Amino acid sequence: MADPLNVRRLEAALEDEFDVVARGQSIAALLDSARRPFELAVLAGDTDLLARGGAVERLRHLRPECSIVLVATSEQRSAIRKALRCGVDGFVPYALAEDALSVTVAAVLAGQLAVPQSVRRQANWAVFSVRERQVLQLVADGLTNFEIATRLFLSESTVKSHLSSSFRKLGVSSRAEAAAAVLDPDTGFGQTSVVRMGEPISVEQQLLGAPA
């Protein structure tokens, strides 16, 4: 977890718009100090928070309904991708916390997945087949493989094959990253599901829970 100075810095970035009801140097301390129930937690520190048995996993286990925004020392794409796979709803690099934390929290509370612009990829959509584009659009709409198969009259194995091919072409490893590429307002082909709020881009939150 973050040191007291950085904790105060993060609180200052939030206090004009949000009520901080708990704080702690561990998940147990955070939950014990809560003055009332909370729907979102900001976890700050390095990527150890994402390790097996780490803070993100423990909070997901103890409070599965609680959204998580991670403020991390790393700005590497690999760290952001790992955070998405671990179930984080919003990611903010420390260097951008003062400007981006508040809008990221607002986006997550609105039911969105908020990630930095650094994870945006410009795809050459001409290399994707029509069916691949259809499957990707439905992934971006939050549909599961079974729902996509039903909608397009395909088998689930065929849907998975299209997704595997599309992931390779996009250079991504998760549905959330693929959806971010589809819904990107500048380089994607999505139309309505993206919410732009300052520095992050936002994608529908349910994508995190859709099986690959």
C-alpha atoms as a PDB file:
ATOM      1  CA  MET A   1       0.000   0.000   0.000  1.00  0.00           C
ATOM      2  CA  ALA A   2       1.068   3.656  -0.406  1.00  0.00           C
ATOM      3  CA  ASP A   3       2.956   5.635   2.212  1.00  0.00           C
ATOM      4  CA  PRO A   4       1.022   8.220   4.286  1.00  0.00           C
ATOM      5  CA  LEU A   5       2.214  11.153   2.161  1.00  0.00           C
ATOM      6  CA  ASN A   6       0.938   9.603  -1.057  1.00  0.00           C
ATOM      7  CA  VAL A   7      -2.292   8.571   0.666  1.00  0.00           C
ATOM      8  CA  ARG A   8      -2.905  12.219   1.579  1.00  0.00           C
ATOM      9  CA  ARG A   9      -2.075  13.247  -1.983  1.00  0.00           C
ATOM     10  CA  LEU A  10      -4.656  10.832  -3.357  1.00  0.00           C
ATOM     11  CA  GLU A  11      -7.268  11.911  -0.818  1.00  0.00           C
ATOM     12  CA  ALA A  12      -6.694  15.531  -1.851  1.00  0.00           C
ATOM     13  CA  ALA A  13      -7.378  14.572  -5.467  1.00  0.00           C
ATOM     14  CA  LEU A  14     -10.735  13.092  -4.437  1.00  0.00           C
ATOM     15  CA  GLU A  15     -12.034  15.094  -1.515  1.00  0.00           C
ATOM     16  CA  ASP A  16     -13.738  17.864  -3.533  1.00  0.00           C
ATOM     17  CA  GLU A  17     -16.077  15.354  -5.211  1.00  0.00           C
ATOM     18  CA  PHE A  18     -16.102  12.191  -3.100  1.00  0.00           C
ATOM     19  CA  ASP A  19     -16.437  11.241   0.550  1.00  0.00           C
ATOM     20  CA  VAL A  20     -13.544   9.093   1.787  1.00  0.00           C
ATOM     21  CA  VAL A  21     -15.077   6.787   4.417  1.00  0.00           C
ATOM     22  CA  ALA A  22     -12.163   4.428   5.112  1.00  0.00           C
ATOM     23  CA  ARG A  23      -8.402   4.157   4.846  1.00  0.00           C
ATOM     24  CA  GLY A  24      -5.839   1.537   5.794  1.00  0.00           C
ATOM     25  CA  GLN A  25      -2.444   0.052   5.009  1.00  0.00           C
ATOM     26  CA  SER A  26      -3.997  -3.377   4.398  1.00  0.00           C
ATOM     27  CA  ILE A  27      -7.307  -4.714   3.132  1.00  0.00           C
ATOM     28  CA  ALA A  28      -8.246  -5.840   6.644  1.00  0.00           C
ATOM     29  CA  ALA A  29      -7.483  -2.385   8.063  1.00  0.00           C
ATOM     30  CA  LEU A  30      -9.399  -0.723   5.225  1.00  0.00           C
ATOM     31  CA  LEU A  31     -12.517  -2.776   5.864  1.00  0.00           C
ATOM     32  CA  ASP A  32     -12.267  -2.401   9.649  1.00  0.00           C
ATOM     33  CA  SER A  33     -11.975   1.394   9.446  1.00  0.00           C
ATOM     34  CA  ALA A  34     -15.011   1.923   7.214  1.00  0.00           C
ATOM     35  CA  ARG A  35     -17.489   4.304   8.805  1.00  0.00           C
ATOM     36  CA  ARG A  36     -20.192   3.005   6.464  1.00  0.00           C
ATOM     37  CA  PRO A  37     -20.421   0.693   3.425  1.00  0.00           C
ATOM     38  CA  PHE A  38     -18.508   1.802   0.346  1.00  0.00           C
ATOM     39  CA  GLU A  39     -18.876   0.858  -3.306  1.00  0.00           C
ATOM     40  CA  LEU A  40     -15.389   1.664  -4.563  1.00  0.00           C
ATOM     41  CA  ALA A  41     -11.865   1.293  -3.174  1.00  0.00           C
ATOM     42  CA  VAL A  42      -8.729   3.056  -4.382  1.00  0.00           C
ATOM     43  CA  LEU A  43      -5.673   0.827  -3.908  1.00  0.00           C
ATOM     44  CA  ALA A  44      -2.268   2.450  -4.287  1.00  0.00           C
ATOM     45  CA  GLY A  45       1.176   0.903  -4.530  1.00  0.00           C
ATOM     46  CA  ASP A  46       3.258  -1.193  -6.903  1.00  0.00           C
ATOM     47  CA  THR A  47       2.310  -4.208  -8.973  1.00  0.00           C
ATOM     48  CA  ASP A  48       2.673  -6.485  -5.931  1.00  0.00           C
ATOM     49  CA  LEU A  49      -0.937  -5.543  -5.273  1.00  0.00           C
ATOM     50  CA  LEU A  50      -1.805  -7.700  -8.307  1.00  0.00           C
ATOM     51  CA  ALA A  51       0.074 -10.782  -7.151  1.00  0.00           C
ATOM     52  CA  ARG A  52      -1.682 -14.000  -6.192  1.00  0.00           C
ATOM     53  CA  GLY A  53      -2.984 -13.456  -2.675  1.00  0.00           C
ATOM     54  CA  GLY A  54      -2.312  -9.726  -3.001  1.00  0.00           C
ATOM     55  CA  ALA A  55      -4.552  -6.814  -2.077  1.00  0.00           C
ATOM     56  CA  VAL A  56      -6.630  -6.867  -5.277  1.00  0.00           C
ATOM     57  CA  GLU A  57      -7.367 -10.582  -5.011  1.00  0.00           C
ATOM     58  CA  ARG A  58      -8.216 -10.326  -1.300  1.00  0.00           C
ATOM     59  CA  LEU A  59     -10.591  -7.419  -1.800  1.00  0.00           C
ATOM     60  CA  ARG A  60     -12.223  -9.160  -4.756  1.00  0.00           C
ATOM     61  CA  HIS A  61     -12.771 -12.204  -2.524  1.00  0.00           C
ATOM     62  CA  LEU A  62     -14.042 -10.311   0.525  1.00  0.00           C
ATOM     63  CA  ARG A  63     -16.083  -7.645  -1.275  1.00  0.00           C
ATOM     64  CA  PRO A  64     -16.834  -8.918  -4.796  1.00  0.00           C
ATOM     65  CA  GLU A  65     -19.348  -6.118  -5.347  1.00  0.00           C
ATOM     66  CA  CYS A  66     -16.772  -3.405  -4.619  1.00  0.00           C
ATOM     67  CA  SER A  67     -15.215  -1.656  -7.619  1.00  0.00           C
ATOM     68  CA  ILE A  68     -11.445  -1.189  -7.575  1.00  0.00           C
ATOM     69  CA  VAL A  69      -9.327   1.660  -8.908  1.00  0.00           C
ATOM     70  CA  LEU A  70      -5.608   0.944  -8.857  1.00  0.00           C
ATOM     71  CA  VAL A  71      -3.072   3.772  -8.599  1.00  0.00           C
ATOM     72  CA  ALA A  72       0.227   2.155  -9.532  1.00  0.00           C
ATOM     73  CA  THR A  73       3.867   3.153  -9.783  1.00  0.00           C
ATOM     74  CA  SER A  74       4.196   1.310 -13.095  1.00  0.00           C
ATOM     75  CA  GLU A  75       2.923   2.789 -16.340  1.00  0.00           C
ATOM     76  CA  GLN A  76       3.881  -0.224 -18.426  1.00  0.00           C
ATOM     77  CA  ARG A  77       1.273  -1.679 -20.731  1.00  0.00           C
ATOM     78  CA  SER A  78       1.908  -5.127 -19.234  1.00  0.00           C
ATOM     79  CA  ALA A  79       0.970  -3.856 -15.760  1.00  0.00           C
ATOM     80  CA  ILE A  80      -2.262  -2.329 -17.058  1.00  0.00           C
ATOM     81  CA  ARG A  81      -3.139  -5.536 -18.878  1.00  0.00           C
ATOM     82  CA  LYS A  82      -2.453  -7.597 -15.756  1.00  0.00           C
ATOM     83  CA  ALA A  83      -4.634  -5.249 -13.705  1.00  0.00           C
ATOM     84  CA  LEU A  84      -7.512  -5.779 -16.132  1.00  0.00           C
ATOM     85  CA  ARG A  85      -7.105  -9.542 -15.930  1.00  0.00           C
ATOM     86  CA  CYS A  86      -7.115  -9.346 -12.100  1.00  0.00           C
ATOM     87  CA  GLY A  87     -10.456  -7.548 -12.096  1.00  0.00           C
ATOM     88  CA  VAL A  88      -9.410  -3.938 -11.595  1.00  0.00           C
ATOM     89  CA  ASP A  89     -12.044  -1.489 -12.871  1.00  0.00           C
ATOM     90  CA  GLY A  90      -9.836   1.586 -13.221  1.00  0.00           C
ATOM     91  CA  PHE A  91      -6.079   2.120 -13.588  1.00  0.00           C
ATOM     92  CA  VAL A  92      -4.209   5.380 -12.911  1.00  0.00           C
ATOM     93  CA  PRO A  93      -0.411   5.828 -13.008  1.00  0.00           C
ATOM     94  CA  TYR A  94       0.935   7.756 -10.016  1.00  0.00           C
ATOM     95  CA  ALA A  95       2.248  10.475 -12.309  1.00  0.00           C
ATOM     96  CA  LEU A  96      -1.296  11.217 -13.500  1.00  0.00           C
ATOM     97  CA  ALA A  97      -3.119  10.766 -10.192  1.00  0.00           C
ATOM     98  CA  GLU A  98      -3.753  14.420  -9.414  1.00  0.00           C
ATOM     99  CA  ASP A  99      -5.435  15.005 -12.774  1.00  0.00           C
ATOM    100  CA  ALA A 100      -6.868  11.600 -13.650  1.00  0.00           C
ATOM    101  CA  LEU A 101      -7.917   9.935 -10.380  1.00  0.00           C
ATOM    102  CA  SER A 102     -11.136  11.863  -9.879  1.00  0.00           C
ATOM    103  CA  VAL A 103     -12.416  11.324 -13.430  1.00  0.00           C
ATOM    104  CA  THR A 104     -11.407   7.662 -13.287  1.00  0.00           C
ATOM    105  CA  VAL A 105     -13.343   7.125 -10.054  1.00  0.00           C
ATOM    106  CA  ALA A 106     -16.350   8.905 -11.573  1.00  0.00           C
ATOM    107  CA  ALA A 107     -16.202   6.704 -14.676  1.00  0.00           C
ATOM    108  CA  VAL A 108     -15.992   3.505 -12.621  1.00  0.00           C
ATOM    109  CA  LEU A 109     -18.864   4.579 -10.378  1.00  0.00           C
ATOM    110  CA  ALA A 110     -20.861   5.141 -13.561  1.00  0.00           C
ATOM    111  CA  GLY A 111     -20.347   1.477 -14.413  1.00  0.00           C
ATOM    112  CA  GLN A 112     -17.396   1.861 -16.748  1.00  0.00           C
ATOM    113  CA  LEU A 113     -13.923   0.375 -17.086  1.00  0.00           C
ATOM    114  CA  ALA A 114     -11.391   3.233 -17.156  1.00  0.00           C
ATOM    115  CA  VAL A 115      -7.898   2.731 -18.527  1.00  0.00           C
ATOM    116  CA  PRO A 116      -5.152   5.152 -19.636  1.00  0.00           C
ATOM    117  CA  GLN A 117      -4.811   6.161 -23.257  1.00  0.00           C
ATOM    118  CA  SER A 118      -1.510   4.284 -23.390  1.00  0.00           C
ATOM    119  CA  VAL A 119      -3.370   0.991 -23.856  1.00  0.00           C
ATOM    120  CA  ARG A 120      -5.055   2.255 -26.989  1.00  0.00           C
ATOM    121  CA  ARG A 121      -3.960   0.497 -30.163  1.00  0.00           C
ATOM    122  CA  GLN A 122      -4.529   1.594 -33.733  1.00  0.00           C
ATOM    123  CA  ALA A 123      -5.762  -1.432 -35.619  1.00  0.00           C
ATOM    124  CA  ASN A 124      -5.804  -1.998 -39.348  1.00  0.00           C
ATOM    125  CA  TRP A 125      -9.418  -3.083 -39.529  1.00  0.00           C
ATOM    126  CA  ALA A 126      -9.061  -3.991 -43.231  1.00  0.00           C
ATOM    127  CA  VAL A 127      -7.234  -7.205 -42.256  1.00  0.00           C
ATOM    128  CA  PHE A 128     -10.204  -8.430 -40.199  1.00  0.00           C
ATOM    129  CA  SER A 129     -12.862 -10.554 -41.828  1.00  0.00           C
ATOM    130  CA  VAL A 130     -16.479  -9.462 -41.703  1.00  0.00           C
ATOM    131  CA  ARG A 131     -17.233 -12.218 -39.204  1.00  0.00           C
ATOM    132  CA  GLU A 132     -14.288 -11.225 -36.989  1.00  0.00           C
ATOM    133  CA  ARG A 133     -15.534  -7.649 -36.938  1.00  0.00           C
ATOM    134  CA  GLN A 134     -19.040  -8.827 -36.052  1.00  0.00           C
ATOM    135  CA  VAL A 135     -17.735 -10.951 -33.176  1.00  0.00           C
ATOM    136  CA  LEU A 136     -15.543  -8.121 -31.860  1.00  0.00           C
ATOM    137  CA  GLN A 137     -18.436  -5.670 -31.944  1.00  0.00           C
ATOM    138  CA  LEU A 138     -20.568  -8.051 -29.901  1.00  0.00           C
ATOM    139  CA  VAL A 139     -17.712  -8.525 -27.434  1.00  0.00           C
ATOM    140  CA  ALA A 140     -17.613  -4.743 -27.099  1.00  0.00           C
ATOM    141  CA  ASP A 141     -21.363  -4.811 -26.477  1.00  0.00           C
ATOM    142  CA  GLY A 142     -20.732  -7.092 -23.506  1.00  0.00           C
ATOM    143  CA  LEU A 143     -22.018 -10.391 -24.899  1.00  0.00           C
ATOM    144  CA  THR A 144     -20.594 -13.742 -23.793  1.00  0.00           C
ATOM    145  CA  ASN A 145     -19.340 -16.350 -26.282  1.00  0.00           C
ATOM    146  CA  PHE A 146     -22.588 -18.287 -25.927  1.00  0.00           C
ATOM    147  CA  GLU A 147     -24.659 -15.156 -26.612  1.00  0.00           C
ATOM    148  CA  ILE A 148     -22.493 -14.255 -29.619  1.00  0.00           C
ATOM    149  CA  ALA A 149     -22.830 -17.773 -31.000  1.00  0.00           C
ATOM    150  CA  THR A 150     -26.610 -17.604 -30.633  1.00  0.00           C
ATOM    151  CA  ARG A 151     -26.819 -14.152 -32.213  1.00  0.00           C
ATOM    152  CA  LEU A 152     -24.657 -15.083 -35.219  1.00  0.00           C
ATOM    153  CA  PHE A 153     -25.864 -18.712 -35.576  1.00  0.00           C
ATOM    154  CA  LEU A 154     -22.357 -20.058 -34.914  1.00  0.00           C
ATOM    155  CA  SER A 155     -20.897 -22.668 -32.596  1.00  0.00           C
ATOM    156  CA  GLU A 156     -19.056 -21.429 -29.510  1.00  0.00           C
ATOM    157  CA  SER A 157     -15.865 -23.045 -30.814  1.00  0.00           C
ATOM    158  CA  THR A 158     -16.144 -20.959 -33.986  1.00  0.00           C
ATOM    159  CA  VAL A 159     -16.617 -17.805 -31.921  1.00  0.00           C
ATOM    160  CA  LYS A 160     -13.510 -18.679 -29.897  1.00  0.00           C
ATOM    161  CA  SER A 161     -11.586 -19.235 -33.108  1.00  0.00           C
ATOM    162  CA  HIS A 162     -12.580 -15.815 -34.433  1.00  0.00           C
ATOM    163  CA  LEU A 163     -11.605 -14.225 -31.127  1.00  0.00           C
ATOM    164  CA  SER A 164      -8.218 -15.939 -31.058  1.00  0.00           C
ATOM    165  CA  SER A 165      -7.485 -14.704 -34.557  1.00  0.00           C
ATOM    166  CA  SER A 166      -8.673 -11.190 -33.714  1.00  0.00           C
ATOM    167  CA  PHE A 167      -6.635 -11.058 -30.504  1.00  0.00           C
ATOM    168  CA  ARG A 168      -3.493 -11.940 -32.489  1.00  0.00           C
ATOM    169  CA  LYS A 169      -4.195  -9.236 -35.049  1.00  0.00           C
ATOM    170  CA  LEU A 170      -4.838  -6.670 -32.320  1.00  0.00           C
ATOM    171  CA  GLY A 171      -1.883  -7.777 -30.196  1.00  0.00           C
ATOM    172  CA  VAL A 172      -4.081  -8.111 -27.103  1.00  0.00           C
ATOM    173  CA  SER A 173      -4.754 -10.900 -24.616  1.00  0.00           C
ATOM    174  CA  SER A 174      -8.112 -10.006 -23.042  1.00  0.00           C
ATOM    175  CA  ARG A 175     -11.658  -9.132 -24.030  1.00  0.00           C
ATOM    176  CA  ALA A 176     -11.380  -5.782 -22.257  1.00  0.00           C
ATOM    177  CA  GLU A 177      -8.375  -4.759 -24.358  1.00  0.00           C
ATOM    178  CA  ALA A 178     -10.069  -5.909 -27.552  1.00  0.00           C
ATOM    179  CA  ALA A 179     -13.199  -3.954 -26.654  1.00  0.00           C
ATOM    180  CA  ALA A 180     -11.112  -0.857 -25.930  1.00  0.00           C
ATOM    181  CA  ALA A 181      -9.677  -1.097 -29.445  1.00  0.00           C
ATOM    182  CA  VAL A 182     -13.126  -1.554 -31.002  1.00  0.00           C
ATOM    183  CA  LEU A 183     -14.694   1.288 -29.051  1.00  0.00           C
ATOM    184  CA  ASP A 184     -11.839   3.749 -29.347  1.00  0.00           C
ATOM    185  CA  PRO A 185     -13.450   6.954 -30.677  1.00  0.00           C
ATOM    186  CA  ASP A 186     -10.454   7.763 -32.878  1.00  0.00           C
ATOM    187  CA  THR A 187      -9.279   4.403 -34.218  1.00  0.00           C
ATOM    188  CA  GLY A 188     -12.047   1.881 -33.505  1.00  0.00           C
ATOM    189  CA  PHE A 189     -15.291   1.082 -35.286  1.00  0.00           C
ATOM    190  CA  GLY A 190     -17.637   1.236 -32.285  1.00  0.00           C
ATOM    191  CA  GLN A 191     -20.290   3.915 -32.192  1.00  0.00           C
ATOM    192  CA  THR A 192     -22.034   4.302 -28.847  1.00  0.00           C
ATOM    193  CA  SER A 193     -20.530   2.416 -25.912  1.00  0.00           C
ATOM    194  CA  VAL A 194     -17.480   4.540 -25.133  1.00  0.00           C
ATOM    195  CA  VAL A 195     -17.394   7.331 -22.573  1.00  0.00           C
ATOM    196  CA  ARG A 196     -14.498   9.803 -22.765  1.00  0.00           C
ATOM    197  CA  MET A 197     -13.671  11.432 -19.431  1.00  0.00           C
ATOM    198  CA  GLY A 198     -10.423  13.398 -19.502  1.00  0.00           C
ATOM    199  CA  GLU A 199      -7.322  11.205 -19.632  1.00  0.00           C
ATOM    200  CA  PRO A 200      -8.858   7.691 -19.440  1.00  0.00           C
ATOM    201  CA  ILE A 201     -10.948   5.941 -22.013  1.00  0.00           C
ATOM    202  CA  SER A 202     -13.883   3.936 -20.729  1.00  0.00           C
ATOM    203  CA  VAL A 203     -15.442   0.655 -21.763  1.00  0.00           C
ATOM    204  CA  GLU A 204     -18.532  -1.103 -20.428  1.00  0.00           C
ATOM    205  CA  GLN A 205     -17.646  -2.767 -17.148  1.00  0.00           C
ATOM    206  CA  GLN A 206     -19.369  -6.072 -17.806  1.00  0.00           C
ATOM    207  CA  LEU A 207     -16.655  -6.950 -20.317  1.00  0.00           C
ATOM    208  CA  LEU A 208     -14.404  -7.883 -17.415  1.00  0.00           C
ATOM    209  CA  GLY A 209     -16.709 -10.690 -16.425  1.00  0.00           C
ATOM    210  CA  ALA A 210     -17.292 -12.138 -19.886  1.00  0.00           C
ATOM    211  CA  PRO A 211     -15.477 -15.456 -20.382  1.00  0.00           C
ATOM    212  CA  ALA A 212     -12.891 -15.729 -23.151  1.00  0.00           C
END
